[in-house]
Every structure is written in structure tokens, then in C-alpha cells.
Amino acid sequence: MIRKYSNLDKPKIIELLRKNTPEYFDSSEEKDFENYLDNEVEDYFVCEINSEIIGAGGINYFTEQKLARISWDMIDPNSQGNGIGKKLTQYRISHINENPNIETIIVRTTQLVYKFYEKLGFKLERVEKDYWAKNFDLYLMKMLNKN
């Protein structure tokens, strides 16, 4: 089940980030993520199975640029490869597509998972070495809104 994030979910979402560190996130990113959850959440969703949070991901909006950004995606390592990330990303793309003012969807990811987003229709725009942290390169990807 995919549902809206609640502040009560924060400890479990932080734990989810930790489970994905250092494989997909650098430890220095935890503070940024906590700030995001406390101050920058616009639309953030969690995926639950049997009341256990196994995935999370957000959307931020930049209305002047007619842009939405997929943000802070993570799946429990024990659930990766089961289609959870795909469902969560498609859910958010559909949510964005309901907004006729958004023309472009972007995702800022790494060399570790950009192929995942490519399979969902995102196109690689730019690469920036060691952007997030050492050995975590920025892969900026975009797709046009289908509305």
C-alpha cells in the first residue's frame, strides 16, 4: 500500500536511509535527509507491506519553472528487486501528471541507479562527478509530463 508520509513515520524512514548506507547513500546525507523531512516535504509517500515501511519517495515542485522533482527514493534492501521502487515511482509520476501546470519531471540520482530511471522513461541530461559525496555522482535525468 502506498500512502502519504506522516511525521510519525520519520524514525522508520531514517532507519530505511541507514539500511541503504553506504550502498546507495553517503553517511553525510543523513543530516540533509532529516532537514528535508522536517522542512522541505511537499509530497512524500511511503510504501507499506503488513504495516512495515519498505519504501519511500517524494516530490518537490518548482511551479515557476513548471517542474517537479522526484526526491529521496529508497527501498528496504530486503525488498529491492521486487518491483516496489517501480510502483512507487510510477505512483508519483501519475500524481505529477494530474497537475496540468507541470511540464517536466526531473530526478537527481547517482550512477548506481540511473538505469532504473532510464527504464521508466527518464533521459540522462547531465553527469557531475562526486556531487553528493565522494564516489556518488549526480545523474540529472528528465521526462516530459504526459498530461
N, C-alpha and C. Protein backbone atom coordinates (compact mmCIF):
# COMPACT_ATOMS: atom_id res chain seq x y z
N MET A 1 0.83 -1.17 0.00
CA MET A 1 0.00 0.00 0.00
C MET A 1 0.89 1.25 0.00
N ILE A 2 0.56 2.21 -0.85
CA ILE A 2 1.26 3.48 -0.88
C ILE A 2 0.35 4.52 -0.23
N ARG A 3 0.94 5.29 0.69
CA ARG A 3 0.18 6.32 1.38
C ARG A 3 1.08 7.53 1.62
N LYS A 4 0.43 8.64 2.02
CA LYS A 4 1.17 9.86 2.34
C LYS A 4 2.01 9.65 3.60
N TYR A 5 3.18 10.26 3.59
CA TYR A 5 4.08 10.26 4.74
C TYR A 5 3.46 11.06 5.89
N SER A 6 3.69 10.59 7.10
CA SER A 6 3.30 11.30 8.32
C SER A 6 4.58 11.53 9.14
N ASN A 7 4.60 12.59 9.93
CA ASN A 7 5.76 12.85 10.79
C ASN A 7 6.05 11.68 11.72
N LEU A 8 5.03 10.89 12.03
CA LEU A 8 5.23 9.72 12.87
C LEU A 8 6.09 8.65 12.19
N ASP A 9 6.19 8.73 10.85
CA ASP A 9 6.99 7.78 10.08
C ASP A 9 8.48 8.10 10.11
N LYS A 10 8.84 9.30 10.56
CA LYS A 10 10.23 9.76 10.43
C LYS A 10 11.27 8.77 10.97
N PRO A 11 11.14 8.23 12.19
CA PRO A 11 12.18 7.30 12.67
C PRO A 11 12.36 6.09 11.74
N LYS A 12 11.26 5.56 11.21
CA LYS A 12 11.36 4.40 10.32
C LYS A 12 11.97 4.77 8.97
N ILE A 13 11.70 5.99 8.51
CA ILE A 13 12.27 6.43 7.23
C ILE A 13 13.76 6.69 7.39
N ILE A 14 14.17 7.26 8.51
CA ILE A 14 15.61 7.45 8.79
C ILE A 14 16.30 6.09 8.84
N GLU A 15 15.66 5.12 9.47
CA GLU A 15 16.22 3.77 9.52
C GLU A 15 16.34 3.17 8.12
N LEU A 16 15.38 3.45 7.27
CA LEU A 16 15.42 2.98 5.88
C LEU A 16 16.63 3.58 5.15
N LEU A 17 16.89 4.87 5.37
CA LEU A 17 18.08 5.50 4.79
C LEU A 17 19.34 4.81 5.29
N ARG A 18 19.41 4.57 6.58
CA ARG A 18 20.59 3.91 7.17
C ARG A 18 20.82 2.52 6.58
N LYS A 19 19.73 1.80 6.32
CA LYS A 19 19.85 0.47 5.72
C LYS A 19 20.44 0.55 4.30
N ASN A 20 20.30 1.71 3.65
CA ASN A 20 20.80 1.90 2.30
C ASN A 20 22.14 2.65 2.26
N THR A 21 22.73 2.84 3.45
CA THR A 21 24.03 3.50 3.57
C THR A 21 25.06 2.45 4.00
N PRO A 22 26.20 2.35 3.35
CA PRO A 22 26.78 3.22 2.33
C PRO A 22 26.53 2.76 0.88
N GLU A 23 25.68 1.76 0.70
CA GLU A 23 25.46 1.23 -0.65
C GLU A 23 24.94 2.29 -1.63
N TYR A 24 23.89 3.02 -1.23
CA TYR A 24 23.26 3.98 -2.14
C TYR A 24 23.32 5.43 -1.66
N PHE A 25 23.62 5.63 -0.38
CA PHE A 25 23.73 6.98 0.18
C PHE A 25 25.01 7.08 0.99
N ASP A 26 25.58 8.26 1.02
CA ASP A 26 26.73 8.51 1.86
C ASP A 26 26.22 8.89 3.26
N SER A 27 26.96 8.55 4.29
CA SER A 27 26.52 8.85 5.66
C SER A 27 26.33 10.36 5.87
N SER A 28 27.05 11.17 5.12
CA SER A 28 26.91 12.63 5.25
C SER A 28 25.53 13.13 4.80
N GLU A 29 24.78 12.31 4.06
CA GLU A 29 23.48 12.73 3.56
C GLU A 29 22.35 12.62 4.59
N GLU A 30 22.59 11.92 5.69
CA GLU A 30 21.52 11.73 6.68
C GLU A 30 21.02 13.06 7.24
N LYS A 31 21.93 13.97 7.53
CA LYS A 31 21.54 15.28 8.07
C LYS A 31 20.69 16.04 7.04
N ASP A 32 21.08 15.98 5.76
CA ASP A 32 20.29 16.61 4.70
C ASP A 32 18.89 16.00 4.62
N PHE A 33 18.83 14.68 4.77
CA PHE A 33 17.54 14.00 4.69
C PHE A 33 16.64 14.39 5.86
N GLU A 34 17.22 14.47 7.06
CA GLU A 34 16.43 14.90 8.22
C GLU A 34 15.89 16.31 8.00
N ASN A 35 16.70 17.20 7.45
CA ASN A 35 16.25 18.56 7.14
C ASN A 35 15.12 18.52 6.11
N TYR A 36 15.27 17.65 5.12
CA TYR A 36 14.23 17.50 4.11
C TYR A 36 12.91 17.09 4.77
N LEU A 37 12.95 16.08 5.60
CA LEU A 37 11.73 15.59 6.25
C LEU A 37 11.12 16.65 7.17
N ASP A 38 11.96 17.43 7.81
CA ASP A 38 11.46 18.45 8.75
C ASP A 38 10.97 19.72 8.05
N ASN A 39 11.59 20.08 6.92
CA ASN A 39 11.35 21.40 6.35
C ASN A 39 10.99 21.47 4.87
N GLU A 40 11.25 20.40 4.12
CA GLU A 40 11.13 20.51 2.67
C GLU A 40 10.13 19.55 2.03
N VAL A 41 9.46 18.74 2.84
CA VAL A 41 8.49 17.79 2.30
C VAL A 41 7.32 18.55 1.68
N GLU A 42 7.01 18.24 0.43
CA GLU A 42 5.80 18.76 -0.20
C GLU A 42 4.84 17.60 -0.41
N ASP A 43 5.25 16.62 -1.17
CA ASP A 43 4.54 15.35 -1.28
C ASP A 43 5.58 14.27 -1.02
N TYR A 44 5.35 13.47 0.01
CA TYR A 44 6.25 12.36 0.31
C TYR A 44 5.36 11.17 0.62
N PHE A 45 5.75 10.03 0.09
CA PHE A 45 4.93 8.82 0.20
C PHE A 45 5.75 7.68 0.76
N VAL A 46 5.06 6.78 1.45
CA VAL A 46 5.68 5.55 1.94
C VAL A 46 4.93 4.36 1.36
N CYS A 47 5.65 3.29 1.21
CA CYS A 47 5.08 2.04 0.75
C CYS A 47 5.16 1.06 1.92
N GLU A 48 4.02 0.49 2.27
CA GLU A 48 3.95 -0.44 3.39
C GLU A 48 3.48 -1.81 2.93
N ILE A 49 4.04 -2.82 3.57
CA ILE A 49 3.52 -4.18 3.44
C ILE A 49 3.40 -4.71 4.86
N ASN A 50 2.21 -5.18 5.22
CA ASN A 50 1.94 -5.66 6.58
C ASN A 50 2.34 -4.64 7.64
N SER A 51 1.98 -3.38 7.39
CA SER A 51 2.24 -2.26 8.30
C SER A 51 3.73 -1.95 8.49
N GLU A 52 4.58 -2.53 7.67
CA GLU A 52 6.02 -2.24 7.73
C GLU A 52 6.39 -1.38 6.53
N ILE A 53 7.07 -0.26 6.80
CA ILE A 53 7.50 0.63 5.72
C ILE A 53 8.70 0.00 5.02
N ILE A 54 8.53 -0.25 3.71
CA ILE A 54 9.61 -0.87 2.94
C ILE A 54 10.12 0.04 1.82
N GLY A 55 9.49 1.20 1.68
CA GLY A 55 9.94 2.13 0.65
C GLY A 55 9.41 3.52 0.92
N ALA A 56 10.08 4.51 0.32
CA ALA A 56 9.64 5.89 0.47
C ALA A 56 10.20 6.71 -0.68
N GLY A 57 9.51 7.79 -0.99
CA GLY A 57 9.98 8.71 -2.02
C GLY A 57 9.10 9.92 -2.11
N GLY A 58 9.68 11.02 -2.55
CA GLY A 58 8.96 12.27 -2.55
C GLY A 58 8.88 12.97 -3.89
N ILE A 59 8.20 14.10 -3.86
CA ILE A 59 8.07 15.01 -5.00
C ILE A 59 8.22 16.42 -4.46
N ASN A 60 9.02 17.22 -5.15
CA ASN A 60 9.08 18.64 -4.86
C ASN A 60 8.69 19.39 -6.12
N TYR A 61 8.06 20.54 -5.94
CA TYR A 61 7.50 21.31 -7.05
C TYR A 61 8.21 22.65 -7.19
N PHE A 62 8.46 23.01 -8.42
CA PHE A 62 9.06 24.29 -8.76
C PHE A 62 8.14 24.91 -9.81
N THR A 63 7.06 25.52 -9.30
CA THR A 63 5.96 25.93 -10.18
C THR A 63 6.36 27.00 -11.19
N GLU A 64 7.26 27.91 -10.82
CA GLU A 64 7.68 28.93 -11.78
C GLU A 64 8.38 28.32 -12.99
N GLN A 65 9.11 27.22 -12.76
CA GLN A 65 9.79 26.52 -13.86
C GLN A 65 8.91 25.44 -14.48
N LYS A 66 7.67 25.26 -13.95
CA LYS A 66 6.75 24.22 -14.42
C LYS A 66 7.41 22.84 -14.32
N LEU A 67 8.03 22.61 -13.16
CA LEU A 67 8.88 21.46 -12.95
C LEU A 67 8.52 20.74 -11.65
N ALA A 68 8.60 19.41 -11.67
CA ALA A 68 8.50 18.61 -10.45
C ALA A 68 9.74 17.73 -10.37
N ARG A 69 10.21 17.49 -9.15
CA ARG A 69 11.40 16.66 -8.96
C ARG A 69 11.07 15.47 -8.06
N ILE A 70 11.35 14.30 -8.56
CA ILE A 70 11.28 13.06 -7.77
C ILE A 70 12.45 13.13 -6.78
N SER A 71 12.19 12.88 -5.49
CA SER A 71 13.25 13.08 -4.50
C SER A 71 13.28 12.01 -3.41
N TRP A 72 14.48 11.77 -2.93
CA TRP A 72 14.74 10.91 -1.78
C TRP A 72 14.03 9.56 -1.87
N ASP A 73 14.31 8.85 -2.94
CA ASP A 73 13.77 7.49 -3.11
C ASP A 73 14.63 6.48 -2.36
N MET A 74 13.98 5.55 -1.70
CA MET A 74 14.72 4.46 -1.07
C MET A 74 13.79 3.27 -0.82
N ILE A 75 14.36 2.10 -1.00
CA ILE A 75 13.64 0.84 -0.79
C ILE A 75 14.47 0.00 0.18
N ASP A 76 13.80 -0.66 1.10
CA ASP A 76 14.50 -1.56 2.02
C ASP A 76 15.31 -2.57 1.20
N PRO A 77 16.58 -2.75 1.53
CA PRO A 77 17.42 -3.69 0.76
C PRO A 77 16.81 -5.09 0.63
N ASN A 78 16.07 -5.54 1.64
CA ASN A 78 15.44 -6.86 1.57
C ASN A 78 14.27 -6.91 0.59
N SER A 79 13.79 -5.75 0.16
CA SER A 79 12.65 -5.69 -0.77
C SER A 79 13.05 -5.22 -2.16
N GLN A 80 14.33 -4.88 -2.35
CA GLN A 80 14.77 -4.41 -3.65
C GLN A 80 14.69 -5.54 -4.67
N GLY A 81 14.37 -5.16 -5.91
CA GLY A 81 14.27 -6.14 -6.98
C GLY A 81 12.90 -6.80 -7.09
N ASN A 82 11.94 -6.34 -6.27
CA ASN A 82 10.59 -6.92 -6.27
C ASN A 82 9.55 -6.01 -6.90
N GLY A 83 10.00 -4.92 -7.55
CA GLY A 83 9.07 -4.03 -8.22
C GLY A 83 8.50 -2.92 -7.35
N ILE A 84 8.92 -2.85 -6.10
CA ILE A 84 8.40 -1.83 -5.18
C ILE A 84 8.82 -0.43 -5.65
N GLY A 85 10.08 -0.27 -6.00
CA GLY A 85 10.58 1.02 -6.46
C GLY A 85 9.87 1.48 -7.72
N LYS A 86 9.63 0.54 -8.62
CA LYS A 86 8.92 0.87 -9.86
C LYS A 86 7.50 1.35 -9.56
N LYS A 87 6.79 0.62 -8.70
CA LYS A 87 5.42 1.01 -8.34
C LYS A 87 5.39 2.38 -7.67
N LEU A 88 6.31 2.62 -6.76
CA LEU A 88 6.37 3.89 -6.04
C LEU A 88 6.69 5.05 -6.98
N THR A 89 7.60 4.82 -7.91
CA THR A 89 7.96 5.87 -8.88
C THR A 89 6.82 6.12 -9.84
N GLN A 90 6.19 5.06 -10.35
CA GLN A 90 5.05 5.24 -11.26
C GLN A 90 3.89 5.93 -10.55
N TYR A 91 3.69 5.64 -9.28
CA TYR A 91 2.65 6.30 -8.50
C TYR A 91 2.89 7.81 -8.46
N ARG A 92 4.13 8.19 -8.22
CA ARG A 92 4.45 9.61 -8.14
C ARG A 92 4.39 10.28 -9.51
N ILE A 93 4.81 9.59 -10.55
CA ILE A 93 4.69 10.15 -11.90
C ILE A 93 3.23 10.39 -12.23
N SER A 94 2.36 9.44 -11.90
CA SER A 94 0.92 9.60 -12.14
C SER A 94 0.37 10.78 -11.34
N HIS A 95 0.83 10.92 -10.10
CA HIS A 95 0.41 12.03 -9.24
C HIS A 95 0.82 13.36 -9.88
N ILE A 96 2.03 13.43 -10.38
CA ILE A 96 2.52 14.65 -11.04
C ILE A 96 1.73 14.91 -12.32
N ASN A 97 1.45 13.87 -13.08
CA ASN A 97 0.74 14.03 -14.34
C ASN A 97 -0.66 14.60 -14.18
N GLU A 98 -1.21 14.54 -12.96
CA GLU A 98 -2.52 15.13 -12.69
C GLU A 98 -2.46 16.66 -12.63
N ASN A 99 -1.25 17.20 -12.54
CA ASN A 99 -1.07 18.65 -12.43
C ASN A 99 -0.76 19.22 -13.83
N PRO A 100 -1.72 19.92 -14.45
CA PRO A 100 -1.51 20.42 -15.80
C PRO A 100 -0.47 21.54 -15.88
N ASN A 101 -0.06 22.09 -14.75
CA ASN A 101 0.93 23.17 -14.76
C ASN A 101 2.38 22.67 -14.77
N ILE A 102 2.56 21.37 -14.57
CA ILE A 102 3.90 20.79 -14.57
C ILE A 102 4.19 20.24 -15.97
N GLU A 103 5.29 20.72 -16.57
CA GLU A 103 5.67 20.29 -17.91
C GLU A 103 6.80 19.26 -17.92
N THR A 104 7.64 19.31 -16.89
CA THR A 104 8.83 18.46 -16.86
C THR A 104 8.98 17.82 -15.50
N ILE A 105 9.41 16.56 -15.50
CA ILE A 105 9.72 15.83 -14.27
C ILE A 105 11.21 15.53 -14.30
N ILE A 106 11.91 15.84 -13.22
CA ILE A 106 13.33 15.50 -13.15
C ILE A 106 13.58 14.59 -11.97
N VAL A 107 14.70 13.90 -12.06
CA VAL A 107 15.20 13.13 -10.93
C VAL A 107 16.71 13.35 -10.89
N ARG A 108 17.21 13.56 -9.68
CA ARG A 108 18.64 13.69 -9.47
C ARG A 108 19.06 12.43 -8.73
N THR A 109 19.84 11.59 -9.40
CA THR A 109 20.20 10.30 -8.83
C THR A 109 21.71 10.10 -8.98
N THR A 110 22.14 8.86 -8.86
CA THR A 110 23.57 8.54 -8.96
C THR A 110 23.80 7.50 -10.06
N GLN A 111 25.08 7.24 -10.28
CA GLN A 111 25.47 6.22 -11.25
C GLN A 111 25.00 4.83 -10.83
N LEU A 112 24.62 4.69 -9.57
CA LEU A 112 24.22 3.38 -9.04
C LEU A 112 22.82 2.97 -9.48
N VAL A 113 21.94 3.94 -9.72
CA VAL A 113 20.55 3.60 -10.03
C VAL A 113 19.96 4.34 -11.24
N TYR A 114 20.78 5.08 -11.97
CA TYR A 114 20.20 5.84 -13.09
C TYR A 114 19.57 4.93 -14.14
N LYS A 115 20.07 3.72 -14.30
CA LYS A 115 19.49 2.79 -15.28
C LYS A 115 18.04 2.44 -14.91
N PHE A 116 17.74 2.40 -13.62
CA PHE A 116 16.37 2.15 -13.16
C PHE A 116 15.44 3.23 -13.71
N TYR A 117 15.84 4.48 -13.58
CA TYR A 117 15.01 5.59 -14.06
C TYR A 117 14.96 5.64 -15.58
N GLU A 118 16.02 5.22 -16.21
CA GLU A 118 16.05 5.15 -17.68
C GLU A 118 14.97 4.19 -18.19
N LYS A 119 14.83 3.06 -17.51
CA LYS A 119 13.80 2.07 -17.88
C LYS A 119 12.39 2.63 -17.73
N LEU A 120 12.23 3.62 -16.85
CA LEU A 120 10.91 4.23 -16.63
C LEU A 120 10.66 5.42 -17.56
N GLY A 121 11.62 5.72 -18.43
CA GLY A 121 11.42 6.77 -19.42
C GLY A 121 12.18 8.06 -19.20
N PHE A 122 12.97 8.15 -18.14
CA PHE A 122 13.78 9.34 -17.93
C PHE A 122 15.00 9.32 -18.86
N LYS A 123 15.39 10.49 -19.33
CA LYS A 123 16.54 10.64 -20.22
C LYS A 123 17.66 11.37 -19.47
N LEU A 124 18.88 10.86 -19.63
CA LEU A 124 20.03 11.46 -18.97
C LEU A 124 20.35 12.82 -19.59
N GLU A 125 20.45 13.83 -18.74
CA GLU A 125 20.75 15.20 -19.17
C GLU A 125 22.18 15.61 -18.86
N ARG A 126 22.67 15.22 -17.67
CA ARG A 126 23.98 15.69 -17.24
C ARG A 126 24.54 14.78 -16.15
N VAL A 127 25.88 14.68 -16.11
CA VAL A 127 26.58 13.94 -15.06
C VAL A 127 27.57 14.89 -14.40
N GLU A 128 27.63 14.83 -13.07
CA GLU A 128 28.59 15.65 -12.33
C GLU A 128 29.28 14.76 -11.30
N LYS A 129 30.57 14.59 -11.44
CA LYS A 129 31.36 13.68 -10.60
C LYS A 129 31.36 14.13 -9.14
N ASP A 130 31.25 13.17 -8.23
CA ASP A 130 31.34 13.39 -6.77
C ASP A 130 30.41 14.51 -6.28
N TYR A 131 29.23 14.59 -6.84
CA TYR A 131 28.29 15.66 -6.50
C TYR A 131 27.72 15.51 -5.08
N TRP A 132 27.21 14.32 -4.77
CA TRP A 132 26.58 14.08 -3.48
C TRP A 132 27.63 13.86 -2.39
N ALA A 133 28.66 13.12 -2.75
CA ALA A 133 29.78 12.80 -1.86
C ALA A 133 30.80 12.08 -2.74
N LYS A 134 31.96 11.78 -2.20
CA LYS A 134 32.98 11.08 -2.99
C LYS A 134 32.40 9.75 -3.49
N ASN A 135 32.54 9.52 -4.79
CA ASN A 135 32.05 8.31 -5.49
C ASN A 135 30.53 8.25 -5.62
N PHE A 136 29.85 9.35 -5.36
CA PHE A 136 28.40 9.45 -5.58
C PHE A 136 28.16 10.60 -6.57
N ASP A 137 28.13 10.24 -7.84
CA ASP A 137 28.00 11.22 -8.91
C ASP A 137 26.54 11.61 -9.12
N LEU A 138 26.33 12.85 -9.54
CA LEU A 138 24.99 13.30 -9.91
C LEU A 138 24.68 12.83 -11.32
N TYR A 139 23.53 12.20 -11.49
CA TYR A 139 22.96 11.88 -12.80
C TYR A 139 21.63 12.61 -12.85
N LEU A 140 21.60 13.73 -13.57
CA LEU A 140 20.38 14.51 -13.71
C LEU A 140 19.61 13.96 -14.90
N MET A 141 18.35 13.58 -14.66
CA MET A 141 17.53 12.95 -15.69
C MET A 141 16.19 13.66 -15.77
N LYS A 142 15.56 13.63 -16.94
CA LYS A 142 14.25 14.27 -17.05
C LYS A 142 13.33 13.53 -17.99
N MET A 143 12.05 13.79 -17.83
CA MET A 143 11.00 13.33 -18.74
C MET A 143 9.96 14.43 -18.83
N LEU A 144 9.22 14.43 -19.92
CA LEU A 144 8.14 15.39 -20.08
C LEU A 144 6.89 14.86 -19.41
N ASN A 145 6.13 15.76 -18.79
CA ASN A 145 4.86 15.41 -18.17
C ASN A 145 3.89 14.97 -19.26
N LYS A 146 3.13 13.94 -19.00
CA LYS A 146 2.24 13.34 -20.00
C LYS A 146 0.83 13.93 -19.98
N ASN A 147 0.58 15.01 -19.21
CA ASN A 147 -0.79 15.49 -19.08
C ASN A 147 -1.31 16.16 -20.34
